[in-house]
Amino acid sequence: MKKSAYTLTLLLCLSLVFVGCREEKETPAETIEETIEEVGEEVEAASEDVQDVIEDVEEVEE
């Protein structure tokens, strides 16, 4: 009886691992939207870095 309970528990855990972690496939539109958002964030971060460098240069010139 114990062996069958352990076996059923093991099978249940394995099935939850394979079913519970499955990621839903994204549509091409969702993939494009995410990519655009990521690029926008990167551009914003880069512009902030450039602005910081400009401010540093202006401080050095003064």
PDB file of N, CA and C in Angstrom:
ATOM      1  N   MET A   1       0.821  -1.186   0.000  1.00  0.00           N
ATOM      2  CA  MET A   1       0.000   0.000   0.000  1.00  0.00           C
ATOM      3  C   MET A   1       0.874   1.263   0.000  1.00  0.00           C
ATOM      4  N   LYS A   2       1.951   1.240   0.801  1.00  0.00           N
ATOM      5  CA  LYS A   2       2.842   2.389   0.850  1.00  0.00           C
ATOM      6  C   LYS A   2       3.501   2.638  -0.495  1.00  0.00           C
ATOM      7  N   LYS A   3       3.902   1.556  -1.144  1.00  0.00           N
ATOM      8  CA  LYS A   3       4.580   1.692  -2.431  1.00  0.00           C
ATOM      9  C   LYS A   3       3.656   2.319  -3.469  1.00  0.00           C
ATOM     10  N   SER A   4       2.419   1.910  -3.476  1.00  0.00           N
ATOM     11  CA  SER A   4       1.495   2.475  -4.462  1.00  0.00           C
ATOM     12  C   SER A   4       1.198   3.950  -4.144  1.00  0.00           C
ATOM     13  N   ALA A   5       1.156   4.309  -2.884  1.00  0.00           N
ATOM     14  CA  ALA A   5       0.937   5.710  -2.507  1.00  0.00           C
ATOM     15  C   ALA A   5       2.138   6.550  -2.932  1.00  0.00           C
ATOM     16  N   TYR A   6       3.347   6.048  -2.717  1.00  0.00           N
ATOM     17  CA  TYR A   6       4.551   6.764  -3.145  1.00  0.00           C
ATOM     18  C   TYR A   6       4.602   6.887  -4.665  1.00  0.00           C
ATOM     19  N   THR A   7       4.218   5.829  -5.340  1.00  0.00           N
ATOM     20  CA  THR A   7       4.225   5.843  -6.804  1.00  0.00           C
ATOM     21  C   THR A   7       3.238   6.866  -7.339  1.00  0.00           C
ATOM     22  N   LEU A   8       2.042   6.876  -6.781  1.00  0.00           N
ATOM     23  CA  LEU A   8       1.042   7.847  -7.215  1.00  0.00           C
ATOM     24  C   LEU A   8       1.484   9.277  -6.908  1.00  0.00           C
ATOM     25  N   THR A   9       2.087   9.488  -5.772  1.00  0.00           N
ATOM     26  CA  THR A   9       2.590  10.809  -5.410  1.00  0.00           C
ATOM     27  C   THR A   9       3.681  11.247  -6.368  1.00  0.00           C
ATOM     28  N   LEU A  10       4.588  10.345  -6.698  1.00  0.00           N
ATOM     29  CA  LEU A  10       5.663  10.647  -7.631  1.00  0.00           C
ATOM     30  C   LEU A  10       5.107  10.991  -9.014  1.00  0.00           C
ATOM     31  N   LEU A  11       4.149  10.204  -9.486  1.00  0.00           N
ATOM     32  CA  LEU A  11       3.540  10.476 -10.786  1.00  0.00           C
ATOM     33  C   LEU A  11       2.808  11.815 -10.797  1.00  0.00           C
ATOM     34  N   LEU A  12       2.141  12.130  -9.720  1.00  0.00           N
ATOM     35  CA  LEU A  12       1.443  13.405  -9.612  1.00  0.00           C
ATOM     36  C   LEU A  12       2.436  14.566  -9.667  1.00  0.00           C
ATOM     37  N   CYS A  13       3.519  14.447  -8.922  1.00  0.00           N
ATOM     38  CA  CYS A  13       4.542  15.509  -8.921  1.00  0.00           C
ATOM     39  C   CYS A  13       5.171  15.674 -10.304  1.00  0.00           C
ATOM     40  N   LEU A  14       5.489  14.589 -10.946  1.00  0.00           N
ATOM     41  CA  LEU A  14       6.079  14.664 -12.283  1.00  0.00           C
ATOM     42  C   LEU A  14       5.116  15.289 -13.281  1.00  0.00           C
ATOM     43  N   SER A  15       3.854  14.929 -13.197  1.00  0.00           N
ATOM     44  CA  SER A  15       2.886  15.497 -14.137  1.00  0.00           C
ATOM     45  C   SER A  15       2.711  16.992 -13.893  1.00  0.00           C
ATOM     46  N   LEU A  16       2.758  17.425 -12.638  1.00  0.00           N
ATOM     47  CA  LEU A  16       2.645  18.850 -12.344  1.00  0.00           C
ATOM     48  C   LEU A  16       3.852  19.627 -12.857  1.00  0.00           C
ATOM     49  N   VAL A  17       5.025  19.008 -12.790  1.00  0.00           N
ATOM     50  CA  VAL A  17       6.227  19.677 -13.283  1.00  0.00           C
ATOM     51  C   VAL A  17       6.127  19.899 -14.784  1.00  0.00           C
ATOM     52  N   PHE A  18       5.712  18.912 -15.513  1.00  0.00           N
ATOM     53  CA  PHE A  18       5.663  19.039 -16.969  1.00  0.00           C
ATOM     54  C   PHE A  18       4.483  19.877 -17.452  1.00  0.00           C
ATOM     55  N   VAL A  19       3.377  19.835 -16.762  1.00  0.00           N
ATOM     56  CA  VAL A  19       2.195  20.582 -17.184  1.00  0.00           C
ATOM     57  C   VAL A  19       2.222  22.003 -16.625  1.00  0.00           C
ATOM     58  N   GLY A  20       2.647  22.162 -15.386  1.00  0.00           N
ATOM     59  CA  GLY A  20       2.608  23.459 -14.724  1.00  0.00           C
ATOM     60  C   GLY A  20       3.622  24.447 -15.246  1.00  0.00           C
ATOM     61  N   CYS A  21       4.699  24.012 -15.820  1.00  0.00           N
ATOM     62  CA  CYS A  21       5.759  24.912 -16.263  1.00  0.00           C
ATOM     63  C   CYS A  21       5.695  25.218 -17.747  1.00  0.00           C
ATOM     64  N   ARG A  22       4.709  24.726 -18.398  1.00  0.00           N
ATOM     65  CA  ARG A  22       4.607  24.956 -19.835  1.00  0.00           C
ATOM     66  C   ARG A  22       4.280  26.420 -20.088  1.00  0.00           C
ATOM     67  N   GLU A  23       5.079  27.044 -20.932  1.00  0.00           N
ATOM     68  CA  GLU A  23       4.870  28.443 -21.257  1.00  0.00           C
ATOM     69  C   GLU A  23       3.987  28.533 -22.495  1.00  0.00           C
ATOM     70  N   GLU A  24       3.058  29.457 -22.436  1.00  0.00           N
ATOM     71  CA  GLU A  24       2.170  29.615 -23.577  1.00  0.00           C
ATOM     72  C   GLU A  24       2.928  30.256 -24.722  1.00  0.00           C
ATOM     73  N   LYS A  25       2.632  29.824 -25.917  1.00  0.00           N
ATOM     74  CA  LYS A  25       3.277  30.397 -27.094  1.00  0.00           C
ATOM     75  C   LYS A  25       2.706  31.783 -27.351  1.00  0.00           C
ATOM     76  N   GLU A  26       3.609  32.683 -27.700  1.00  0.00           N
ATOM     77  CA  GLU A  26       3.180  34.044 -27.986  1.00  0.00           C
ATOM     78  C   GLU A  26       2.877  34.184 -29.475  1.00  0.00           C
ATOM     79  N   THR A  27       1.978  35.083 -29.746  1.00  0.00           N
ATOM     80  CA  THR A  27       1.693  35.383 -31.147  1.00  0.00           C
ATOM     81  C   THR A  27       2.791  36.299 -31.673  1.00  0.00           C
ATOM     82  N   PRO A  28       2.968  36.355 -32.982  1.00  0.00           N
ATOM     83  CA  PRO A  28       3.989  37.258 -33.532  1.00  0.00           C
ATOM     84  C   PRO A  28       3.778  38.712 -33.120  1.00  0.00           C
ATOM     85  N   ALA A  29       2.533  39.128 -32.998  1.00  0.00           N
ATOM     86  CA  ALA A  29       2.245  40.507 -32.593  1.00  0.00           C
ATOM     87  C   ALA A  29       2.734  40.770 -31.175  1.00  0.00           C
ATOM     88  N   GLU A  30       2.539  39.805 -30.274  1.00  0.00           N
ATOM     89  CA  GLU A  30       3.009  39.965 -28.898  1.00  0.00           C
ATOM     90  C   GLU A  30       4.534  40.005 -28.850  1.00  0.00           C
ATOM     91  N   THR A  31       5.176  39.182 -29.661  1.00  0.00           N
ATOM     92  CA  THR A  31       6.636  39.163 -29.703  1.00  0.00           C
ATOM     93  C   THR A  31       7.169  40.500 -30.198  1.00  0.00           C
ATOM     94  N   ILE A  32       6.556  41.049 -31.231  1.00  0.00           N
ATOM     95  CA  ILE A  32       6.982  42.339 -31.772  1.00  0.00           C
ATOM     96  C   ILE A  32       6.766  43.445 -30.740  1.00  0.00           C
ATOM     97  N   GLU A  33       5.634  43.410 -30.066  1.00  0.00           N
ATOM     98  CA  GLU A  33       5.333  44.424 -29.058  1.00  0.00           C
ATOM     99  C   GLU A  33       6.354  44.391 -27.921  1.00  0.00           C
ATOM    100  N   GLU A  34       6.697  43.200 -27.449  1.00  0.00           N
ATOM    101  CA  GLU A  34       7.692  43.075 -26.392  1.00  0.00           C
ATOM    102  C   GLU A  34       9.057  43.579 -26.854  1.00  0.00           C
ATOM    103  N   THR A  35       9.419  43.273 -28.085  1.00  0.00           N
ATOM    104  CA  THR A  35      10.700  43.712 -28.625  1.00  0.00           C
ATOM    105  C   THR A  35      10.748  45.229 -28.723  1.00  0.00           C
ATOM    106  N   ILE A  36       9.674  45.836 -29.167  1.00  0.00           N
ATOM    107  CA  ILE A  36       9.617  47.296 -29.274  1.00  0.00           C
ATOM    108  C   ILE A  36       9.752  47.925 -27.886  1.00  0.00           C
ATOM    109  N   GLU A  37       9.076  47.366 -26.895  1.00  0.00           N
ATOM    110  CA  GLU A  37       9.179  47.889 -25.534  1.00  0.00           C
ATOM    111  C   GLU A  37      10.602  47.777 -25.000  1.00  0.00           C
ATOM    112  N   GLU A  38      11.252  46.635 -25.250  1.00  0.00           N
ATOM    113  CA  GLU A  38      12.622  46.445 -24.789  1.00  0.00           C
ATOM    114  C   GLU A  38      13.569  47.432 -25.454  1.00  0.00           C
ATOM    115  N   VAL A  39      13.406  47.636 -26.753  1.00  0.00           N
ATOM    116  CA  VAL A  39      14.255  48.585 -27.473  1.00  0.00           C
ATOM    117  C   VAL A  39      14.024  49.992 -26.940  1.00  0.00           C
ATOM    118  N   GLY A  40      12.779  50.346 -26.695  1.00  0.00           N
ATOM    119  CA  GLY A  40      12.465  51.666 -26.143  1.00  0.00           C
ATOM    120  C   GLY A  40      13.125  51.884 -24.794  1.00  0.00           C
ATOM    121  N   GLU A  41      13.106  50.875 -23.947  1.00  0.00           N
ATOM    122  CA  GLU A  41      13.754  50.980 -22.639  1.00  0.00           C
ATOM    123  C   GLU A  41      15.261  51.140 -22.786  1.00  0.00           C
ATOM    124  N   GLU A  42      15.851  50.404 -23.723  1.00  0.00           N
ATOM    125  CA  GLU A  42      17.295  50.507 -23.950  1.00  0.00           C
ATOM    126  C   GLU A  42      17.673  51.882 -24.480  1.00  0.00           C
ATOM    127  N   VAL A  43      16.869  52.430 -25.392  1.00  0.00           N
ATOM    128  CA  VAL A  43      17.126  53.761 -25.934  1.00  0.00           C
ATOM    129  C   VAL A  43      17.021  54.802 -24.826  1.00  0.00           C
ATOM    130  N   GLU A  44      16.028  54.667 -23.984  1.00  0.00           N
ATOM    131  CA  GLU A  44      15.855  55.602 -22.871  1.00  0.00           C
ATOM    132  C   GLU A  44      17.053  55.549 -21.927  1.00  0.00           C
ATOM    133  N   ALA A  45      17.512  54.358 -21.614  1.00  0.00           N
ATOM    134  CA  ALA A  45      18.676  54.205 -20.734  1.00  0.00           C
ATOM    135  C   ALA A  45      19.923  54.805 -21.379  1.00  0.00           C
ATOM    136  N   ALA A  46      20.094  54.593 -22.666  1.00  0.00           N
ATOM    137  CA  ALA A  46      21.251  55.142 -23.366  1.00  0.00           C
ATOM    138  C   ALA A  46      21.194  56.670 -23.395  1.00  0.00           C
ATOM    139  N   SER A  47      20.016  57.224 -23.606  1.00  0.00           N
ATOM    140  CA  SER A  47      19.907  58.690 -23.638  1.00  0.00           C
ATOM    141  C   SER A  47      20.203  59.290 -22.262  1.00  0.00           C
ATOM    142  N   GLU A  48      19.809  58.606 -21.206  1.00  0.00           N
ATOM    143  CA  GLU A  48      20.133  59.067 -19.854  1.00  0.00           C
ATOM    144  C   GLU A  48      21.644  59.018 -19.619  1.00  0.00           C
ATOM    145  N   ASP A  49      22.298  57.979 -20.119  1.00  0.00           N
ATOM    146  CA  ASP A  49      23.752  57.882 -19.985  1.00  0.00           C
ATOM    147  C   ASP A  49      24.440  59.019 -20.730  1.00  0.00           C
ATOM    148  N   VAL A  50      23.969  59.321 -21.927  1.00  0.00           N
ATOM    149  CA  VAL A  50      24.550  60.409 -22.708  1.00  0.00           C
ATOM    150  C   VAL A  50      24.340  61.736 -21.991  1.00  0.00           C
ATOM    151  N   GLN A  51      23.168  61.932 -21.442  1.00  0.00           N
ATOM    152  CA  GLN A  51      22.877  63.172 -20.724  1.00  0.00           C
ATOM    153  C   GLN A  51      23.792  63.305 -19.504  1.00  0.00           C
ATOM    154  N   ASP A  52      24.039  62.219 -18.796  1.00  0.00           N
ATOM    155  CA  ASP A  52      24.946  62.249 -17.654  1.00  0.00           C
ATOM    156  C   ASP A  52      26.363  62.622 -18.084  1.00  0.00           C
ATOM    157  N   VAL A  53      26.821  62.082 -19.189  1.00  0.00           N
ATOM    158  CA  VAL A  53      28.161  62.395 -19.687  1.00  0.00           C
ATOM    159  C   VAL A  53      28.251  63.862 -20.079  1.00  0.00           C
ATOM    160  N   ILE A  54      27.214  64.391 -20.728  1.00  0.00           N
ATOM    161  CA  ILE A  54      27.203  65.807 -21.116  1.00  0.00           C
ATOM    162  C   ILE A  54      27.276  66.689 -19.875  1.00  0.00           C
ATOM    163  N   GLU A  55      26.526  66.339 -18.838  1.00  0.00           N
ATOM    164  CA  GLU A  55      26.561  67.116 -17.602  1.00  0.00           C
ATOM    165  C   GLU A  55      27.945  67.049 -16.957  1.00  0.00           C
ATOM    166  N   ASP A  56      28.591  65.887 -17.005  1.00  0.00           N
ATOM    167  CA  ASP A  56      29.929  65.747 -16.445  1.00  0.00           C
ATOM    168  C   ASP A  56      30.926  66.617 -17.212  1.00  0.00           C
ATOM    169  N   VAL A  57      30.810  66.650 -18.533  1.00  0.00           N
ATOM    170  CA  VAL A  57      31.706  67.453 -19.356  1.00  0.00           C
ATOM    171  C   VAL A  57      31.494  68.930 -19.065  1.00  0.00           C
ATOM    172  N   GLU A  58      30.240  69.342 -18.906  1.00  0.00           N
ATOM    173  CA  GLU A  58      29.958  70.738 -18.613  1.00  0.00           C
ATOM    174  C   GLU A  58      30.529  71.140 -17.255  1.00  0.00           C
ATOM    175  N   GLU A  59      30.495  70.246 -16.270  1.00  0.00           N
ATOM    176  CA  GLU A  59      31.055  70.528 -14.952  1.00  0.00           C
ATOM    177  C   GLU A  59      32.576  70.671 -15.029  1.00  0.00           C
ATOM    178  N   VAL A  60      33.212  69.867 -15.846  1.00  0.00           N
ATOM    179  CA  VAL A  60      34.660  69.928 -15.981  1.00  0.00           C
ATOM    180  C   VAL A  60      35.077  71.221 -16.651  1.00  0.00           C
ATOM    181  N   GLU A  61      34.306  71.702 -17.634  1.00  0.00           N
ATOM    182  CA  GLU A  61      34.625  72.932 -18.356  1.00  0.00           C
ATOM    183  C   GLU A  61      34.483  74.162 -17.462  1.00  0.00           C
ATOM    184  N   GLU A  62      33.642  74.103 -16.459  1.00  0.00           N
ATOM    185  CA  GLU A  62      33.418  75.254 -15.582  1.00  0.00           C
ATOM    186  C   GLU A  62      34.530  75.363 -14.641  1.00  0.00           C
TER     187      GLU A  62
END
